[in-house]
Amino acid sequence: MNAKALTPNRGRQAAEPKPAAAAPAAPEQDSTQTIAAAITSAIIEHRLAPGAKLTEQKIAAIYGVSRTLVRQALFQLARDHLVTLEPARGAFVSQPSVEEAQQVFAVRRMLEQHLVEEFCDKATTADFRAMRAHLKLEQAVVGRVDVTGRTRLLGDFHVLMAERIGNAVLAQILSELISRCALITLMYQSSRAAQHSSDEHVAILKALESRDVKLAKTLMEAHLCETENSLLYHPRTSSADLTLALAAYAA
């Protein structure tokens, strides 16, 4: 490359102070991501129910931003299948069908069979230490009957496995699927002991630490099947108030 091309033209710099105009984009991007993250958390933690209307004006007022930024966040969530955009009606928390719920769990079973194999092959002592620390938090939260905390931590167990072995793509895919599972369980799940689900995680990790791939895969398959089988497939759609659901995350 020509060295002159890398050298700033000092004579033109004073006449062209253009780059500074792009600076406001970062705060706007942060605001969009904050809103998207808050709505996602409210859905995952069951503070926003399937079918809840996401009114742009109300969300904009909660965060003190323009409706344009809210709309950008909603478009992002629509791409992740957490929000449905309906012409002339607006945005709503998605309401997955029974068929979609079954498909999501089928995909998770396939992916997590591969995850177990890869984790058994690649996990280090530090990775197992991190997983045990996560389970300690999980058990403590379940013991306190912290619905919000346990919902997040029970899902994070699976994502953390992928993150610890450096499979960022699988971690991202699982994170999106687990977000959809949280929405599905809100609609369809019967009362089921979270303690039992956490105990299943303990058994899975024990098999992984023994490098027993076959047993770990069997336990993971049973864990996901039992979670799906606990669903009644009768929708529950009572919606939370937007202000209550999002206020804790507002700036």
Protein backbone atom coordinates (compact mmCIF):
# COMPACT_ATOMS: atom_id res chain seq x y z
CA MET A 1 0.00 0.00 0.00
CA ASN A 2 1.23 3.54 -0.77
CA ALA A 3 2.60 5.08 2.44
CA LYS A 4 1.07 8.45 1.48
CA ALA A 5 -2.38 6.88 1.69
CA LEU A 6 -1.80 6.20 5.39
CA THR A 7 -0.72 9.78 6.15
CA PRO A 8 -3.46 12.29 7.11
CA ASN A 9 -3.77 15.31 4.85
CA ARG A 10 -3.18 17.98 7.48
CA GLY A 11 -4.14 20.75 5.09
CA ARG A 12 -7.64 19.37 4.64
CA GLN A 13 -8.24 18.26 8.25
CA ALA A 14 -9.21 21.71 9.50
CA ALA A 15 -11.66 22.21 6.66
CA GLU A 16 -13.29 18.78 7.08
CA PRO A 17 -14.15 18.14 10.73
CA LYS A 18 -16.76 15.56 9.62
CA PRO A 19 -16.02 12.40 11.68
CA ALA A 20 -17.30 13.90 14.95
CA ALA A 21 -20.86 13.90 13.58
CA ALA A 22 -21.03 10.09 13.89
CA ALA A 23 -20.45 10.12 17.67
CA PRO A 24 -24.15 10.14 18.79
CA ALA A 25 -24.71 6.74 17.16
CA ALA A 26 -23.10 4.91 20.11
CA PRO A 27 -25.56 6.13 22.80
CA GLU A 28 -28.48 5.36 20.49
CA GLN A 29 -27.12 1.86 19.91
CA ASP A 30 -26.72 1.42 23.68
CA SER A 31 -30.30 2.53 24.28
CA THR A 32 -31.65 0.09 21.70
CA GLN A 33 -29.66 -2.77 23.22
CA THR A 34 -30.76 -1.80 26.75
CA ILE A 35 -34.42 -1.89 25.76
CA ALA A 36 -34.05 -5.18 23.88
CA ALA A 37 -32.21 -6.75 26.83
CA ALA A 38 -34.83 -5.51 29.31
CA ILE A 39 -37.74 -6.91 27.30
CA THR A 40 -35.88 -10.20 26.80
CA SER A 41 -35.24 -10.48 30.54
CA ALA A 42 -38.87 -9.66 31.32
CA ILE A 43 -39.99 -12.46 28.98
CA ILE A 44 -37.46 -15.02 30.23
CA GLU A 45 -38.19 -14.20 33.87
CA HIS A 46 -41.94 -14.46 33.27
CA ARG A 47 -42.73 -10.81 34.03
CA LEU A 48 -44.17 -10.37 30.52
CA ALA A 49 -46.59 -13.03 29.42
CA PRO A 50 -47.15 -14.37 25.90
CA GLY A 51 -49.54 -12.10 24.05
CA ALA A 52 -48.63 -9.00 26.08
CA LYS A 53 -48.84 -5.86 23.96
CA LEU A 54 -45.58 -3.90 23.71
CA THR A 55 -46.72 -0.33 23.19
CA GLU A 56 -43.98 1.79 21.62
CA GLN A 57 -45.12 5.01 23.25
CA LYS A 58 -45.27 3.52 26.73
CA ILE A 59 -41.84 1.87 26.43
CA ALA A 60 -40.39 5.13 25.09
CA ALA A 61 -41.78 6.97 28.13
CA ILE A 62 -40.34 4.39 30.54
CA TYR A 63 -36.84 4.82 29.10
CA GLY A 64 -37.03 8.46 28.08
CA VAL A 65 -36.11 7.74 24.47
CA SER A 66 -37.67 8.17 21.06
CA ARG A 67 -40.15 5.70 19.61
CA THR A 68 -37.64 5.11 16.80
CA LEU A 69 -35.19 3.50 19.23
CA VAL A 70 -37.97 1.41 20.74
CA ARG A 71 -39.01 0.29 17.26
CA GLN A 72 -35.42 -0.76 16.50
CA ALA A 73 -35.35 -2.87 19.68
CA LEU A 74 -38.66 -4.51 18.76
CA PHE A 75 -37.40 -5.32 15.26
CA GLN A 76 -34.37 -6.98 16.83
CA LEU A 77 -36.55 -9.06 19.16
CA ALA A 78 -38.78 -10.02 16.24
CA ARG A 79 -35.72 -11.47 14.50
CA ASP A 80 -35.12 -13.57 17.63
CA HIS A 81 -38.77 -14.77 17.55
CA LEU A 82 -39.49 -13.31 20.99
CA VAL A 83 -41.76 -10.60 19.59
CA THR A 84 -44.39 -10.70 16.85
CA LEU A 85 -44.98 -7.57 14.76
CA GLU A 86 -48.49 -7.29 13.38
CA PRO A 87 -49.39 -4.66 10.74
CA ALA A 88 -51.75 -1.97 12.08
CA ARG A 89 -51.80 -3.64 15.50
CA GLY A 90 -48.25 -3.27 16.82
CA ALA A 91 -45.87 -5.53 18.70
CA PHE A 92 -46.74 -8.41 21.02
CA VAL A 93 -44.78 -10.97 23.02
CA SER A 94 -44.83 -14.07 20.84
CA GLN A 95 -47.23 -16.92 21.53
CA PRO A 96 -45.56 -20.11 20.29
CA SER A 97 -47.85 -22.88 19.13
CA VAL A 98 -47.74 -26.44 20.45
CA GLU A 99 -46.07 -27.52 17.21
CA GLU A 100 -43.40 -24.83 17.55
CA ALA A 101 -42.80 -25.81 21.18
CA GLN A 102 -42.24 -29.41 20.15
CA GLN A 103 -39.87 -28.33 17.37
CA VAL A 104 -37.82 -26.15 19.72
CA PHE A 105 -37.30 -29.02 22.14
CA ALA A 106 -36.46 -31.41 19.29
CA VAL A 107 -33.74 -29.04 18.06
CA ARG A 108 -32.39 -28.60 21.58
CA ARG A 109 -32.13 -32.36 22.03
CA MET A 110 -30.09 -32.69 18.85
CA LEU A 111 -27.78 -29.77 19.66
CA GLU A 112 -27.22 -30.75 23.25
CA GLN A 113 -26.27 -34.31 22.35
CA HIS A 114 -23.42 -32.78 20.34
CA LEU A 115 -22.67 -30.36 23.18
CA VAL A 116 -22.24 -33.23 25.64
CA GLU A 117 -19.79 -34.97 23.30
CA GLU A 118 -17.76 -31.81 22.74
CA PHE A 119 -17.75 -30.89 26.42
CA CYS A 120 -16.53 -34.35 27.44
CA ASP A 121 -13.74 -34.06 24.88
CA LYS A 122 -12.59 -30.50 25.60
CA ALA A 123 -13.52 -29.54 29.17
CA THR A 124 -10.66 -28.73 31.52
CA THR A 125 -10.42 -28.77 35.29
CA ALA A 126 -11.18 -25.04 35.28
CA ASP A 127 -14.31 -25.66 33.17
CA PHE A 128 -15.63 -28.24 35.62
CA ARG A 129 -14.86 -25.88 38.50
CA ALA A 130 -16.90 -23.16 36.78
CA MET A 131 -19.81 -25.55 36.19
CA ARG A 132 -19.78 -26.66 39.85
CA ALA A 133 -19.80 -23.02 40.95
CA HIS A 134 -22.80 -22.41 38.70
CA LEU A 135 -24.65 -25.39 40.17
CA LYS A 136 -23.94 -24.09 43.68
CA LEU A 137 -25.67 -20.83 42.74
CA GLU A 138 -28.48 -22.75 41.08
CA GLN A 139 -29.13 -24.88 44.15
CA ALA A 140 -29.04 -21.85 46.44
CA VAL A 141 -31.55 -19.93 44.31
CA VAL A 142 -33.87 -22.93 44.03
CA GLY A 143 -33.66 -23.31 47.79
CA ARG A 144 -34.83 -19.72 48.24
CA VAL A 145 -37.73 -20.27 45.83
CA ASP A 146 -36.47 -17.37 43.71
CA VAL A 147 -38.54 -17.85 40.54
CA THR A 148 -36.79 -15.06 38.65
CA GLY A 149 -33.30 -16.27 39.53
CA ARG A 150 -33.93 -19.93 39.00
CA THR A 151 -35.45 -19.43 35.54
CA ARG A 152 -32.31 -17.69 34.38
CA LEU A 153 -29.83 -20.02 36.08
CA LEU A 154 -31.49 -23.26 34.97
CA GLY A 155 -31.22 -22.09 31.36
CA ASP A 156 -27.71 -20.69 31.79
CA PHE A 157 -26.40 -24.14 32.78
CA HIS A 158 -26.69 -25.29 29.17
CA VAL A 159 -25.31 -22.09 27.64
CA LEU A 160 -22.37 -22.07 30.05
CA MET A 161 -21.32 -25.52 28.88
CA ALA A 162 -20.94 -24.23 25.32
CA GLU A 163 -19.22 -21.02 26.47
CA ARG A 164 -16.67 -22.85 28.60
CA ILE A 165 -15.42 -24.94 25.68
CA GLY A 166 -15.26 -21.89 23.40
CA ASN A 167 -18.14 -22.78 21.07
CA ALA A 168 -19.57 -19.27 20.77
CA VAL A 169 -21.88 -20.17 17.89
CA LEU A 170 -23.51 -23.03 19.80
CA ALA A 171 -23.75 -20.85 22.91
CA GLN A 172 -25.59 -18.17 20.94
CA ILE A 173 -27.97 -20.64 19.31
CA LEU A 174 -28.73 -22.30 22.65
CA SER A 175 -29.26 -18.93 24.29
CA GLU A 176 -31.89 -18.05 21.68
CA LEU A 177 -33.57 -21.44 21.94
CA ILE A 178 -33.63 -21.28 25.73
CA SER A 179 -35.18 -17.82 25.54
CA ARG A 180 -37.93 -19.34 23.42
CA CYS A 181 -38.22 -22.25 25.85
CA ALA A 182 -38.79 -19.80 28.70
CA LEU A 183 -41.66 -18.32 26.74
CA ILE A 184 -43.03 -21.78 25.99
CA THR A 185 -42.86 -22.92 29.59
CA LEU A 186 -44.61 -19.75 30.72
CA MET A 187 -47.51 -20.67 28.46
CA TYR A 188 -47.62 -24.41 28.92
CA GLN A 189 -45.64 -25.70 31.91
CA SER A 190 -47.40 -27.37 34.81
CA SER A 191 -46.23 -26.88 38.39
CA ARG A 192 -42.95 -28.77 38.55
CA ALA A 193 -40.21 -28.77 41.18
CA ALA A 194 -37.28 -26.63 40.04
CA GLN A 195 -35.19 -28.54 42.56
CA HIS A 196 -35.64 -31.70 40.48
CA SER A 197 -34.43 -29.95 37.34
CA SER A 198 -31.35 -28.67 39.17
CA ASP A 199 -30.70 -32.15 40.56
CA GLU A 200 -30.72 -33.44 36.99
CA HIS A 201 -28.04 -30.89 36.15
CA VAL A 202 -25.94 -32.24 39.04
CA ALA A 203 -26.24 -35.78 37.68
CA ILE A 204 -25.32 -34.63 34.15
CA LEU A 205 -22.23 -32.80 35.41
CA LYS A 206 -21.16 -35.83 37.44
CA ALA A 207 -21.29 -37.98 34.30
CA LEU A 208 -19.37 -35.32 32.37
CA GLU A 209 -16.65 -35.21 35.04
CA SER A 210 -16.32 -38.99 34.70
CA ARG A 211 -15.98 -38.48 30.90
CA ASP A 212 -18.84 -40.95 30.53
CA VAL A 213 -20.20 -39.65 27.23
CA LYS A 214 -22.87 -42.31 26.86
CA LEU A 215 -24.33 -41.73 30.33
CA ALA A 216 -24.13 -37.94 30.02
CA LYS A 217 -25.98 -38.02 26.69
CA THR A 218 -28.64 -40.32 28.15
CA LEU A 219 -29.14 -38.03 31.14
CA MET A 220 -29.29 -34.91 28.98
CA GLU A 221 -31.85 -36.50 26.65
CA ALA A 222 -33.96 -37.58 29.63
CA HIS A 223 -33.66 -34.12 31.20
CA LEU A 224 -34.93 -32.32 28.10
CA CYS A 225 -37.65 -34.91 27.44
CA GLU A 226 -38.90 -34.61 31.00
CA THR A 227 -38.97 -30.83 30.72
CA GLU A 228 -41.05 -31.08 27.55
CA ASN A 229 -43.29 -33.77 29.01
CA SER A 230 -44.11 -31.48 31.93
CA LEU A 231 -45.87 -29.11 29.55
CA LEU A 232 -49.64 -29.24 29.51
CA TYR A 233 -49.99 -27.41 26.18
CA HIS A 234 -52.86 -25.34 27.50
CA PRO A 235 -51.85 -21.68 27.05
CA ARG A 236 -51.74 -19.24 29.92
CA THR A 237 -51.71 -15.69 28.62
CA SER A 238 -52.30 -13.24 31.47
CA SER A 239 -50.11 -10.21 30.71
CA ALA A 240 -48.00 -8.18 33.09
CA ASP A 241 -48.10 -4.39 33.08
CA LEU A 242 -45.28 -2.94 30.98
CA THR A 243 -44.26 -0.40 33.60
CA LEU A 244 -43.96 -3.07 36.29
CA ALA A 245 -42.20 -5.48 33.96
CA LEU A 246 -39.60 -3.02 32.65
CA ALA A 247 -39.21 -0.37 35.35
CA ALA A 248 -36.35 -2.18 37.10
CA TYR A 249 -34.30 -2.01 33.90
CA ALA A 250 -35.08 1.59 32.98
CA ALA A 251 -32.22 4.07 33.07
